[in-house]
Amino acid sequence: MTGFESPRFDVRGQARAALSGTLSVVTAGQLLSEGARSIGAGEAQCIDLAGVKGADSAGLALLIEWLSVAKSSGHALRYENIPTQLQQLAKLSDVEELLSGQAAA
C-alpha cells in the first residue's frame, strides 16, 4: 500500500455516508466505533468508498464488521464505488459476495 491518508467517516444525510483515506491495521480501529454507531442508528445504510485511497486486510475486516453491525441492528447496508484493491482482497479472501451483496435488515 503506497501513501497514507488519514481516514474519515462522514455521514451525509438521507442514510448515506462516505469513507475516505487509508484503511489499514493502523486506521481501522479508529473508524470501527464511529461507523458502527451511525450504521446501528440507521444513519448510514449506503457507504460510498470512492474516497478510499488504499486498504489492507484490516480495512476489509472493518467493512465486514460493519455489515455484521447492520444485520444485528436490523438495518440494510450496502457499499458503493468499492475500490479495485478492496475487491481483489475480498476475492482472495473468498468474501467478495459480502461486499457486492447487500446486508438485508
PDB file of N, CA and C in Angstrom:
ATOM      1  N   MET A   1       0.857  -1.166   0.000  1.00  0.00           N
ATOM      2  CA  MET A   1       0.000   0.000   0.000  1.00  0.00           C
ATOM      3  C   MET A   1       0.900   1.225   0.000  1.00  0.00           C
ATOM      4  N   THR A   2       0.691   2.095  -0.936  1.00  0.00           N
ATOM      5  CA  THR A   2       1.520   3.284  -1.031  1.00  0.00           C
ATOM      6  C   THR A   2       0.797   4.476  -0.454  1.00  0.00           C
ATOM      7  N   GLY A   3       1.550   5.330   0.215  1.00  0.00           N
ATOM      8  CA  GLY A   3       0.976   6.555   0.755  1.00  0.00           C
ATOM      9  C   GLY A   3       0.064   6.288   1.932  1.00  0.00           C
ATOM     10  N   PHE A   4      -0.255   7.338   2.639  1.00  0.00           N
ATOM     11  CA  PHE A   4      -1.151   7.244   3.786  1.00  0.00           C
ATOM     12  C   PHE A   4      -2.004   8.486   3.819  1.00  0.00           C
ATOM     13  N   GLU A   5      -3.268   8.296   3.949  1.00  0.00           N
ATOM     14  CA  GLU A   5      -4.190   9.412   4.074  1.00  0.00           C
ATOM     15  C   GLU A   5      -5.079   9.129   5.274  1.00  0.00           C
ATOM     16  N   SER A   6      -5.166  10.073   6.203  1.00  0.00           N
ATOM     17  CA  SER A   6      -5.983   9.887   7.400  1.00  0.00           C
ATOM     18  C   SER A   6      -7.409   9.518   7.018  1.00  0.00           C
ATOM     19  N   PRO A   7      -7.969   8.543   7.716  1.00  0.00           N
ATOM     20  CA  PRO A   7      -9.314   8.094   7.377  1.00  0.00           C
ATOM     21  C   PRO A   7     -10.383   9.058   7.882  1.00  0.00           C
ATOM     22  N   ARG A   8     -11.499   9.067   7.156  1.00  0.00           N
ATOM     23  CA  ARG A   8     -12.665   9.873   7.557  1.00  0.00           C
ATOM     24  C   ARG A   8     -13.919   9.087   7.264  1.00  0.00           C
ATOM     25  N   PHE A   9     -14.855   9.171   8.200  1.00  0.00           N
ATOM     26  CA  PHE A   9     -16.181   8.611   8.017  1.00  0.00           C
ATOM     27  C   PHE A   9     -17.142   9.773   8.162  1.00  0.00           C
ATOM     28  N   ASP A  10     -17.786  10.137   7.075  1.00  0.00           N
ATOM     29  CA  ASP A  10     -18.671  11.303   7.066  1.00  0.00           C
ATOM     30  C   ASP A  10     -20.098  10.899   6.758  1.00  0.00           C
ATOM     31  N   VAL A  11     -21.008  11.173   7.703  1.00  0.00           N
ATOM     32  CA  VAL A  11     -22.424  10.954   7.464  1.00  0.00           C
ATOM     33  C   VAL A  11     -22.919  12.116   6.615  1.00  0.00           C
ATOM     34  N   ARG A  12     -23.596  11.788   5.513  1.00  0.00           N
ATOM     35  CA  ARG A  12     -24.013  12.806   4.548  1.00  0.00           C
ATOM     36  C   ARG A  12     -25.511  13.096   4.590  1.00  0.00           C
ATOM     37  N   GLY A  13     -26.251  12.404   5.418  1.00  0.00           N
ATOM     38  CA  GLY A  13     -27.700  12.582   5.456  1.00  0.00           C
ATOM     39  C   GLY A  13     -28.393  11.607   4.535  1.00  0.00           C
ATOM     40  N   GLN A  14     -29.695  11.456   4.710  1.00  0.00           N
ATOM     41  CA  GLN A  14     -30.516  10.549   3.911  1.00  0.00           C
ATOM     42  C   GLN A  14     -29.966   9.122   3.941  1.00  0.00           C
ATOM     43  N   ALA A  15     -29.472   8.705   5.115  1.00  0.00           N
ATOM     44  CA  ALA A  15     -28.942   7.353   5.353  1.00  0.00           C
ATOM     45  C   ALA A  15     -27.713   7.046   4.496  1.00  0.00           C
ATOM     46  N   ARG A  16     -26.979   8.082   4.101  1.00  0.00           N
ATOM     47  CA  ARG A  16     -25.770   7.905   3.289  1.00  0.00           C
ATOM     48  C   ARG A  16     -24.537   8.396   4.055  1.00  0.00           C
ATOM     49  N   ALA A  17     -23.407   7.767   3.757  1.00  0.00           N
ATOM     50  CA  ALA A  17     -22.140   8.170   4.357  1.00  0.00           C
ATOM     51  C   ALA A  17     -21.039   7.963   3.321  1.00  0.00           C
ATOM     52  N   ALA A  18     -19.889   8.548   3.602  1.00  0.00           N
ATOM     53  CA  ALA A  18     -18.725   8.383   2.724  1.00  0.00           C
ATOM     54  C   ALA A  18     -17.521   8.034   3.585  1.00  0.00           C
ATOM     55  N   LEU A  19     -16.710   7.142   3.073  1.00  0.00           N
ATOM     56  CA  LEU A  19     -15.486   6.723   3.737  1.00  0.00           C
ATOM     57  C   LEU A  19     -14.328   7.131   2.842  1.00  0.00           C
ATOM     58  N   SER A  20     -13.309   7.719   3.448  1.00  0.00           N
ATOM     59  CA  SER A  20     -12.152   8.136   2.654  1.00  0.00           C
ATOM     60  C   SER A  20     -10.877   7.894   3.432  1.00  0.00           C
ATOM     61  N   GLY A  21      -9.766   7.976   2.719  1.00  0.00           N
ATOM     62  CA  GLY A  21      -8.458   7.799   3.338  1.00  0.00           C
ATOM     63  C   GLY A  21      -7.945   6.385   3.177  1.00  0.00           C
ATOM     64  N   THR A  22      -7.033   6.011   4.056  1.00  0.00           N
ATOM     65  CA  THR A  22      -6.378   4.719   4.024  1.00  0.00           C
ATOM     66  C   THR A  22      -6.997   3.801   5.072  1.00  0.00           C
ATOM     67  N   LEU A  23      -7.411   2.618   4.658  1.00  0.00           N
ATOM     68  CA  LEU A  23      -7.963   1.625   5.581  1.00  0.00           C
ATOM     69  C   LEU A  23      -6.881   0.586   5.840  1.00  0.00           C
ATOM     70  N   SER A  24      -6.321   0.615   7.022  1.00  0.00           N
ATOM     71  CA  SER A  24      -5.225  -0.289   7.350  1.00  0.00           C
ATOM     72  C   SER A  24      -5.350  -0.750   8.791  1.00  0.00           C
ATOM     73  N   VAL A  25      -4.443  -1.598   9.188  1.00  0.00           N
ATOM     74  CA  VAL A  25      -4.416  -2.075  10.566  1.00  0.00           C
ATOM     75  C   VAL A  25      -4.275  -0.901  11.537  1.00  0.00           C
ATOM     76  N   VAL A  26      -3.639   0.169  11.104  1.00  0.00           N
ATOM     77  CA  VAL A  26      -3.445   1.357  11.943  1.00  0.00           C
ATOM     78  C   VAL A  26      -4.725   2.178  12.047  1.00  0.00           C
ATOM     79  N   THR A  27      -5.498   2.257  10.975  1.00  0.00           N
ATOM     80  CA  THR A  27      -6.641   3.171  10.941  1.00  0.00           C
ATOM     81  C   THR A  27      -8.001   2.511  11.151  1.00  0.00           C
ATOM     82  N   ALA A  28      -8.110   1.212  10.921  1.00  0.00           N
ATOM     83  CA  ALA A  28      -9.411   0.547  11.004  1.00  0.00           C
ATOM     84  C   ALA A  28     -10.034   0.698  12.386  1.00  0.00           C
ATOM     85  N   GLY A  29      -9.242   0.570  13.417  1.00  0.00           N
ATOM     86  CA  GLY A  29      -9.754   0.709  14.776  1.00  0.00           C
ATOM     87  C   GLY A  29     -10.316   2.088  15.052  1.00  0.00           C
ATOM     88  N   GLN A  30      -9.729   3.100  14.439  1.00  0.00           N
ATOM     89  CA  GLN A  30     -10.209   4.473  14.613  1.00  0.00           C
ATOM     90  C   GLN A  30     -11.610   4.640  14.029  1.00  0.00           C
ATOM     91  N   LEU A  31     -11.905   3.910  12.981  1.00  0.00           N
ATOM     92  CA  LEU A  31     -13.174   4.045  12.277  1.00  0.00           C
ATOM     93  C   LEU A  31     -14.258   3.110  12.788  1.00  0.00           C
ATOM     94  N   LEU A  32     -13.875   2.024  13.430  1.00  0.00           N
ATOM     95  CA  LEU A  32     -14.827   0.987  13.799  1.00  0.00           C
ATOM     96  C   LEU A  32     -16.013   1.511  14.598  1.00  0.00           C
ATOM     97  N   SER A  33     -15.762   2.163  15.720  1.00  0.00           N
ATOM     98  CA  SER A  33     -16.869   2.587  16.583  1.00  0.00           C
ATOM     99  C   SER A  33     -17.678   3.725  15.966  1.00  0.00           C
ATOM    100  N   GLU A  34     -17.018   4.642  15.294  1.00  0.00           N
ATOM    101  CA  GLU A  34     -17.736   5.752  14.662  1.00  0.00           C
ATOM    102  C   GLU A  34     -18.714   5.243  13.604  1.00  0.00           C
ATOM    103  N   GLY A  35     -18.230   4.379  12.737  1.00  0.00           N
ATOM    104  CA  GLY A  35     -19.096   3.809  11.716  1.00  0.00           C
ATOM    105  C   GLY A  35     -20.182   2.935  12.318  1.00  0.00           C
ATOM    106  N   ALA A  36     -19.832   2.137  13.313  1.00  0.00           N
ATOM    107  CA  ALA A  36     -20.801   1.241  13.936  1.00  0.00           C
ATOM    108  C   ALA A  36     -21.947   2.018  14.575  1.00  0.00           C
ATOM    109  N   ARG A  37     -21.653   3.133  15.205  1.00  0.00           N
ATOM    110  CA  ARG A  37     -22.707   3.964  15.807  1.00  0.00           C
ATOM    111  C   ARG A  37     -23.682   4.449  14.740  1.00  0.00           C
ATOM    112  N   SER A  38     -23.149   4.983  13.652  1.00  0.00           N
ATOM    113  CA  SER A  38     -24.002   5.514  12.581  1.00  0.00           C
ATOM    114  C   SER A  38     -24.785   4.418  11.882  1.00  0.00           C
ATOM    115  N   ILE A  39     -24.151   3.287  11.650  1.00  0.00           N
ATOM    116  CA  ILE A  39     -24.818   2.158  10.992  1.00  0.00           C
ATOM    117  C   ILE A  39     -25.903   1.597  11.901  1.00  0.00           C
ATOM    118  N   GLY A  40     -25.583   1.421  13.166  1.00  0.00           N
ATOM    119  CA  GLY A  40     -26.546   0.893  14.127  1.00  0.00           C
ATOM    120  C   GLY A  40     -27.758   1.785  14.305  1.00  0.00           C
ATOM    121  N   ALA A  41     -27.568   3.084  14.137  1.00  0.00           N
ATOM    122  CA  ALA A  41     -28.670   4.041  14.266  1.00  0.00           C
ATOM    123  C   ALA A  41     -29.443   4.217  12.957  1.00  0.00           C
ATOM    124  N   GLY A  42     -28.998   3.552  11.897  1.00  0.00           N
ATOM    125  CA  GLY A  42     -29.666   3.673  10.604  1.00  0.00           C
ATOM    126  C   GLY A  42     -29.304   4.938   9.851  1.00  0.00           C
ATOM    127  N   GLU A  43     -28.280   5.643  10.305  1.00  0.00           N
ATOM    128  CA  GLU A  43     -27.858   6.888   9.651  1.00  0.00           C
ATOM    129  C   GLU A  43     -26.960   6.648   8.442  1.00  0.00           C
ATOM    130  N   ALA A  44     -26.431   5.432   8.321  1.00  0.00           N
ATOM    131  CA  ALA A  44     -25.524   5.104   7.220  1.00  0.00           C
ATOM    132  C   ALA A  44     -25.910   3.736   6.670  1.00  0.00           C
ATOM    133  N   GLN A  45     -26.806   3.719   5.706  1.00  0.00           N
ATOM    134  CA  GLN A  45     -27.230   2.466   5.093  1.00  0.00           C
ATOM    135  C   GLN A  45     -26.594   2.264   3.722  1.00  0.00           C
ATOM    136  N   CYS A  46     -25.961   3.308   3.218  1.00  0.00           N
ATOM    137  CA  CYS A  46     -25.205   3.238   1.972  1.00  0.00           C
ATOM    138  C   CYS A  46     -23.909   4.010   2.197  1.00  0.00           C
ATOM    139  N   ILE A  47     -22.775   3.339   2.019  1.00  0.00           N
ATOM    140  CA  ILE A  47     -21.479   3.975   2.247  1.00  0.00           C
ATOM    141  C   ILE A  47     -20.707   4.020   0.940  1.00  0.00           C
ATOM    142  N   ASP A  48     -20.344   5.217   0.538  1.00  0.00           N
ATOM    143  CA  ASP A  48     -19.574   5.445  -0.686  1.00  0.00           C
ATOM    144  C   ASP A  48     -18.091   5.303  -0.356  1.00  0.00           C
ATOM    145  N   LEU A  49     -17.412   4.401  -1.050  1.00  0.00           N
ATOM    146  CA  LEU A  49     -15.995   4.133  -0.804  1.00  0.00           C
ATOM    147  C   LEU A  49     -15.077   4.768  -1.848  1.00  0.00           C
ATOM    148  N   ALA A  50     -15.605   5.675  -2.665  1.00  0.00           N
ATOM    149  CA  ALA A  50     -14.806   6.278  -3.733  1.00  0.00           C
ATOM    150  C   ALA A  50     -13.573   6.998  -3.205  1.00  0.00           C
ATOM    151  N   GLY A  51     -13.629   7.500  -1.990  1.00  0.00           N
ATOM    152  CA  GLY A  51     -12.505   8.246  -1.418  1.00  0.00           C
ATOM    153  C   GLY A  51     -11.453   7.393  -0.745  1.00  0.00           C
ATOM    154  N   VAL A  52     -11.627   6.069  -0.738  1.00  0.00           N
ATOM    155  CA  VAL A  52     -10.642   5.186  -0.121  1.00  0.00           C
ATOM    156  C   VAL A  52      -9.418   5.115  -1.034  1.00  0.00           C
ATOM    157  N   LYS A  53      -8.271   5.484  -0.485  1.00  0.00           N
ATOM    158  CA  LYS A  53      -7.040   5.565  -1.282  1.00  0.00           C
ATOM    159  C   LYS A  53      -6.147   4.346  -1.164  1.00  0.00           C
ATOM    160  N   GLY A  54      -6.414   3.490  -0.205  1.00  0.00           N
ATOM    161  CA  GLY A  54      -5.625   2.281  -0.019  1.00  0.00           C
ATOM    162  C   GLY A  54      -6.265   1.450   1.079  1.00  0.00           C
ATOM    163  N   ALA A  55      -6.031   0.127   1.032  1.00  0.00           N
ATOM    164  CA  ALA A  55      -6.625  -0.750   2.030  1.00  0.00           C
ATOM    165  C   ALA A  55      -5.813  -2.028   2.158  1.00  0.00           C
ATOM    166  N   ASP A  56      -5.836  -2.573   3.360  1.00  0.00           N
ATOM    167  CA  ASP A  56      -5.243  -3.882   3.583  1.00  0.00           C
ATOM    168  C   ASP A  56      -6.317  -4.783   4.176  1.00  0.00           C
ATOM    169  N   SER A  57      -5.936  -5.954   4.660  1.00  0.00           N
ATOM    170  CA  SER A  57      -6.924  -6.905   5.168  1.00  0.00           C
ATOM    171  C   SER A  57      -7.687  -6.373   6.377  1.00  0.00           C
ATOM    172  N   ALA A  58      -7.078  -5.500   7.160  1.00  0.00           N
ATOM    173  CA  ALA A  58      -7.786  -4.898   8.293  1.00  0.00           C
ATOM    174  C   ALA A  58      -8.906  -3.983   7.796  1.00  0.00           C
ATOM    175  N   GLY A  59      -8.692  -3.291   6.695  1.00  0.00           N
ATOM    176  CA  GLY A  59      -9.734  -2.464   6.097  1.00  0.00           C
ATOM    177  C   GLY A  59     -10.891  -3.311   5.607  1.00  0.00           C
ATOM    178  N   LEU A  60     -10.573  -4.452   5.007  1.00  0.00           N
ATOM    179  CA  LEU A  60     -11.610  -5.379   4.562  1.00  0.00           C
ATOM    180  C   LEU A  60     -12.384  -5.908   5.771  1.00  0.00           C
ATOM    181  N   ALA A  61     -11.687  -6.261   6.818  1.00  0.00           N
ATOM    182  CA  ALA A  61     -12.336  -6.753   8.038  1.00  0.00           C
ATOM    183  C   ALA A  61     -13.266  -5.690   8.623  1.00  0.00           C
ATOM    184  N   LEU A  62     -12.879  -4.438   8.543  1.00  0.00           N
ATOM    185  CA  LEU A  62     -13.718  -3.339   9.026  1.00  0.00           C
ATOM    186  C   LEU A  62     -15.048  -3.314   8.275  1.00  0.00           C
ATOM    187  N   LEU A  63     -14.998  -3.407   6.964  1.00  0.00           N
ATOM    188  CA  LEU A  63     -16.219  -3.376   6.159  1.00  0.00           C
ATOM    189  C   LEU A  63     -17.120  -4.572   6.464  1.00  0.00           C
ATOM    190  N   ILE A  64     -16.514  -5.730   6.680  1.00  0.00           N
ATOM    191  CA  ILE A  64     -17.288  -6.925   7.020  1.00  0.00           C
ATOM    192  C   ILE A  64     -17.916  -6.769   8.405  1.00  0.00           C
ATOM    193  N   GLU A  65     -17.186  -6.208   9.342  1.00  0.00           N
ATOM    194  CA  GLU A  65     -17.729  -5.975  10.686  1.00  0.00           C
ATOM    195  C   GLU A  65     -18.914  -5.020  10.632  1.00  0.00           C
ATOM    196  N   TRP A  66     -18.814  -3.982   9.823  1.00  0.00           N
ATOM    197  CA  TRP A  66     -19.941  -3.052   9.689  1.00  0.00           C
ATOM    198  C   TRP A  66     -21.175  -3.751   9.115  1.00  0.00           C
ATOM    199  N   LEU A  67     -20.994  -4.700   8.202  1.00  0.00           N
ATOM    200  CA  LEU A  67     -22.133  -5.471   7.696  1.00  0.00           C
ATOM    201  C   LEU A  67     -22.797  -6.254   8.830  1.00  0.00           C
ATOM    202  N   SER A  68     -21.980  -6.780   9.724  1.00  0.00           N
ATOM    203  CA  SER A  68     -22.494  -7.511  10.878  1.00  0.00           C
ATOM    204  C   SER A  68     -23.275  -6.587  11.812  1.00  0.00           C
ATOM    205  N   VAL A  69     -22.749  -5.388  12.025  1.00  0.00           N
ATOM    206  CA  VAL A  69     -23.441  -4.395  12.858  1.00  0.00           C
ATOM    207  C   VAL A  69     -24.804  -4.064  12.253  1.00  0.00           C
ATOM    208  N   ALA A  70     -24.834  -3.858  10.945  1.00  0.00           N
ATOM    209  CA  ALA A  70     -26.090  -3.526  10.267  1.00  0.00           C
ATOM    210  C   ALA A  70     -27.103  -4.653  10.436  1.00  0.00           C
ATOM    211  N   LYS A  71     -26.664  -5.862  10.208  1.00  0.00           N
ATOM    212  CA  LYS A  71     -27.564  -7.005  10.311  1.00  0.00           C
ATOM    213  C   LYS A  71     -28.102  -7.145  11.731  1.00  0.00           C
ATOM    214  N   SER A  72     -27.232  -7.034  12.726  1.00  0.00           N
ATOM    215  CA  SER A  72     -27.671  -7.215  14.114  1.00  0.00           C
ATOM    216  C   SER A  72     -28.573  -6.083  14.596  1.00  0.00           C
ATOM    217  N   SER A  73     -28.490  -4.921  13.960  1.00  0.00           N
ATOM    218  CA  SER A  73     -29.340  -3.800  14.361  1.00  0.00           C
ATOM    219  C   SER A  73     -30.595  -3.679  13.491  1.00  0.00           C
ATOM    220  N   GLY A  74     -30.747  -4.599  12.539  1.00  0.00           N
ATOM    221  CA  GLY A  74     -31.949  -4.611  11.715  1.00  0.00           C
ATOM    222  C   GLY A  74     -31.964  -3.583  10.598  1.00  0.00           C
ATOM    223  N   HIS A  75     -30.786  -3.135  10.176  1.00  0.00           N
ATOM    224  CA  HIS A  75     -30.688  -2.158   9.092  1.00  0.00           C
ATOM    225  C   HIS A  75     -29.990  -2.771   7.885  1.00  0.00           C
ATOM    226  N   ALA A  76     -30.340  -2.280   6.717  1.00  0.00           N
ATOM    227  CA  ALA A  76     -29.658  -2.678   5.496  1.00  0.00           C
ATOM    228  C   ALA A  76     -28.360  -1.879   5.392  1.00  0.00           C
ATOM    229  N   LEU A  77     -27.383  -2.438   4.693  1.00  0.00           N
ATOM    230  CA  LEU A  77     -26.131  -1.722   4.429  1.00  0.00           C
ATOM    231  C   LEU A  77     -25.593  -2.192   3.091  1.00  0.00           C
ATOM    232  N   ARG A  78     -25.186  -1.219   2.276  1.00  0.00           N
ATOM    233  CA  ARG A  78     -24.511  -1.562   1.025  1.00  0.00           C
ATOM    234  C   ARG A  78     -23.373  -0.588   0.801  1.00  0.00           C
ATOM    235  N   TYR A  79     -22.408  -1.045   0.016  1.00  0.00           N
ATOM    236  CA  TYR A  79     -21.241  -0.239  -0.318  1.00  0.00           C
ATOM    237  C   TYR A  79     -21.298   0.133  -1.792  1.00  0.00           C
ATOM    238  N   GLU A  80     -20.926   1.369  -2.092  1.00  0.00           N
ATOM    239  CA  GLU A  80     -20.835   1.849  -3.470  1.00  0.00           C
ATOM    240  C   GLU A  80     -19.388   2.210  -3.780  1.00  0.00           C
ATOM    241  N   ASN A  81     -19.035   2.117  -5.037  1.00  0.00           N
ATOM    242  CA  ASN A  81     -17.712   2.531  -5.531  1.00  0.00           C
ATOM    243  C   ASN A  81     -16.585   1.843  -4.771  1.00  0.00           C
ATOM    244  N   ILE A  82     -16.682   0.519  -4.669  1.00  0.00           N
ATOM    245  CA  ILE A  82     -15.665  -0.262  -3.963  1.00  0.00           C
ATOM    246  C   ILE A  82     -14.380  -0.234  -4.789  1.00  0.00           C
ATOM    247  N   PRO A  83     -13.284   0.250  -4.202  1.00  0.00           N
ATOM    248  CA  PRO A  83     -12.021   0.308  -4.953  1.00  0.00           C
ATOM    249  C   PRO A  83     -11.549  -1.090  -5.385  1.00  0.00           C
ATOM    250  N   THR A  84     -10.866  -1.140  -6.500  1.00  0.00           N
ATOM    251  CA  THR A  84     -10.361  -2.392  -7.050  1.00  0.00           C
ATOM    252  C   THR A  84      -9.526  -3.154  -6.029  1.00  0.00           C
ATOM    253  N   GLN A  85      -8.692  -2.451  -5.280  1.00  0.00           N
ATOM    254  CA  GLN A  85      -7.831  -3.102  -4.289  1.00  0.00           C
ATOM    255  C   GLN A  85      -8.669  -3.866  -3.259  1.00  0.00           C
ATOM    256  N   LEU A  86      -9.754  -3.284  -2.795  1.00  0.00           N
ATOM    257  CA  LEU A  86     -10.627  -3.967  -1.835  1.00  0.00           C
ATOM    258  C   LEU A  86     -11.371  -5.123  -2.490  1.00  0.00           C
ATOM    259  N   GLN A  87     -11.777  -4.953  -3.731  1.00  0.00           N
ATOM    260  CA  GLN A  87     -12.443  -6.043  -4.450  1.00  0.00           C
ATOM    261  C   GLN A  87     -11.507  -7.241  -4.592  1.00  0.00           C
ATOM    262  N   GLN A  88     -10.236  -6.972  -4.902  1.00  0.00           N
ATOM    263  CA  GLN A  88      -9.262  -8.052  -5.054  1.00  0.00           C
ATOM    264  C   GLN A  88      -8.995  -8.752  -3.722  1.00  0.00           C
ATOM    265  N   LEU A  89      -8.877  -7.974  -2.635  1.00  0.00           N
ATOM    266  CA  LEU A  89      -8.693  -8.571  -1.312  1.00  0.00           C
ATOM    267  C   LEU A  89      -9.885  -9.451  -0.944  1.00  0.00           C
ATOM    268  N   ALA A  90     -11.084  -8.968  -1.226  1.00  0.00           N
ATOM    269  CA  ALA A  90     -12.296  -9.729  -0.922  1.00  0.00           C
ATOM    270  C   ALA A  90     -12.329 -11.027  -1.728  1.00  0.00           C
ATOM    271  N   LYS A  91     -11.934 -10.958  -2.990  1.00  0.00           N
ATOM    272  CA  LYS A  91     -11.922 -12.149  -3.835  1.00  0.00           C
ATOM    273  C   LYS A  91     -10.906 -13.164  -3.319  1.00  0.00           C
ATOM    274  N   LEU A  92      -9.702 -12.697  -2.974  1.00  0.00           N
ATOM    275  CA  LEU A  92      -8.667 -13.585  -2.438  1.00  0.00           C
ATOM    276  C   LEU A  92      -9.096 -14.219  -1.118  1.00  0.00           C
ATOM    277  N   SER A  93      -9.884 -13.486  -0.354  1.00  0.00           N
ATOM    278  CA  SER A  93     -10.346 -13.958   0.958  1.00  0.00           C
ATOM    279  C   SER A  93     -11.651 -14.742   0.861  1.00  0.00           C
ATOM    280  N   ASP A  94     -12.175 -14.877  -0.352  1.00  0.00           N
ATOM    281  CA  ASP A  94     -13.420 -15.591  -0.613  1.00  0.00           C
ATOM    282  C   ASP A  94     -14.611 -14.983   0.129  1.00  0.00           C
ATOM    283  N   VAL A  95     -14.633 -13.649   0.185  1.00  0.00           N
ATOM    284  CA  VAL A  95     -15.748 -12.939   0.828  1.00  0.00           C
ATOM    285  C   VAL A  95     -16.326 -11.867  -0.098  1.00  0.00           C
ATOM    286  N   GLU A  96     -16.041 -11.956  -1.385  1.00  0.00           N
ATOM    287  CA  GLU A  96     -16.481 -10.916  -2.313  1.00  0.00           C
ATOM    288  C   GLU A  96     -17.996 -10.759  -2.354  1.00  0.00           C
ATOM    289  N   GLU A  97     -18.730 -11.875  -2.131  1.00  0.00           N
ATOM    290  CA  GLU A  97     -20.189 -11.788  -2.142  1.00  0.00           C
ATOM    291  C   GLU A  97     -20.702 -10.936  -0.988  1.00  0.00           C
ATOM    292  N   LEU A  98     -19.960 -10.840   0.098  1.00  0.00           N
ATOM    293  CA  LEU A  98     -20.370  -9.993   1.220  1.00  0.00           C
ATOM    294  C   LEU A  98     -20.343  -8.512   0.840  1.00  0.00           C
ATOM    295  N   LEU A  99     -19.300  -8.103   0.147  1.00  0.00           N
ATOM    296  CA  LEU A  99     -19.178  -6.704  -0.225  1.00  0.00           C
ATOM    297  C   LEU A  99     -20.073  -6.341  -1.399  1.00  0.00           C
ATOM    298  N   SER A 100     -20.237  -7.239  -2.319  1.00  0.00           N
ATOM    299  CA  SER A 100     -21.026  -6.917  -3.503  1.00  0.00           C
ATOM    300  C   SER A 100     -22.518  -7.057  -3.240  1.00  0.00           C
ATOM    301  N   GLY A 101     -22.866  -7.850  -2.257  1.00  0.00           N
ATOM    302  CA  GLY A 101     -24.278  -8.021  -1.910  1.00  0.00           C
ATOM    303  C   GLY A 101     -24.727  -6.916  -0.989  1.00  0.00           C
ATOM    304  N   GLN A 102     -25.842  -7.137  -0.421  1.00  0.00           N
ATOM    305  CA  GLN A 102     -26.406  -6.134   0.488  1.00  0.00           C
ATOM    306  C   GLN A 102     -26.774  -6.843   1.771  1.00  0.00           C
ATOM    307  N   ALA A 103     -26.439  -6.233   2.903  1.00  0.00           N
ATOM    308  CA  ALA A 103     -26.839  -6.797   4.190  1.00  0.00           C
ATOM    309  C   ALA A 103     -28.306  -6.446   4.391  1.00  0.00           C
ATOM    310  N   ALA A 104     -29.138  -7.440   4.298  1.00  0.00           N
ATOM    311  CA  ALA A 104     -30.576  -7.216   4.448  1.00  0.00           C
ATOM    312  C   ALA A 104     -30.924  -7.021   5.915  1.00  0.00           C
ATOM    313  N   ALA A 105     -31.931  -6.227   6.140  1.00  0.00           N
ATOM    314  CA  ALA A 105     -32.366  -5.976   7.516  1.00  0.00           C
ATOM    315  C   ALA A 105     -33.014  -7.201   8.099  1.00  0.00           C
TER     316      ALA A 105
END
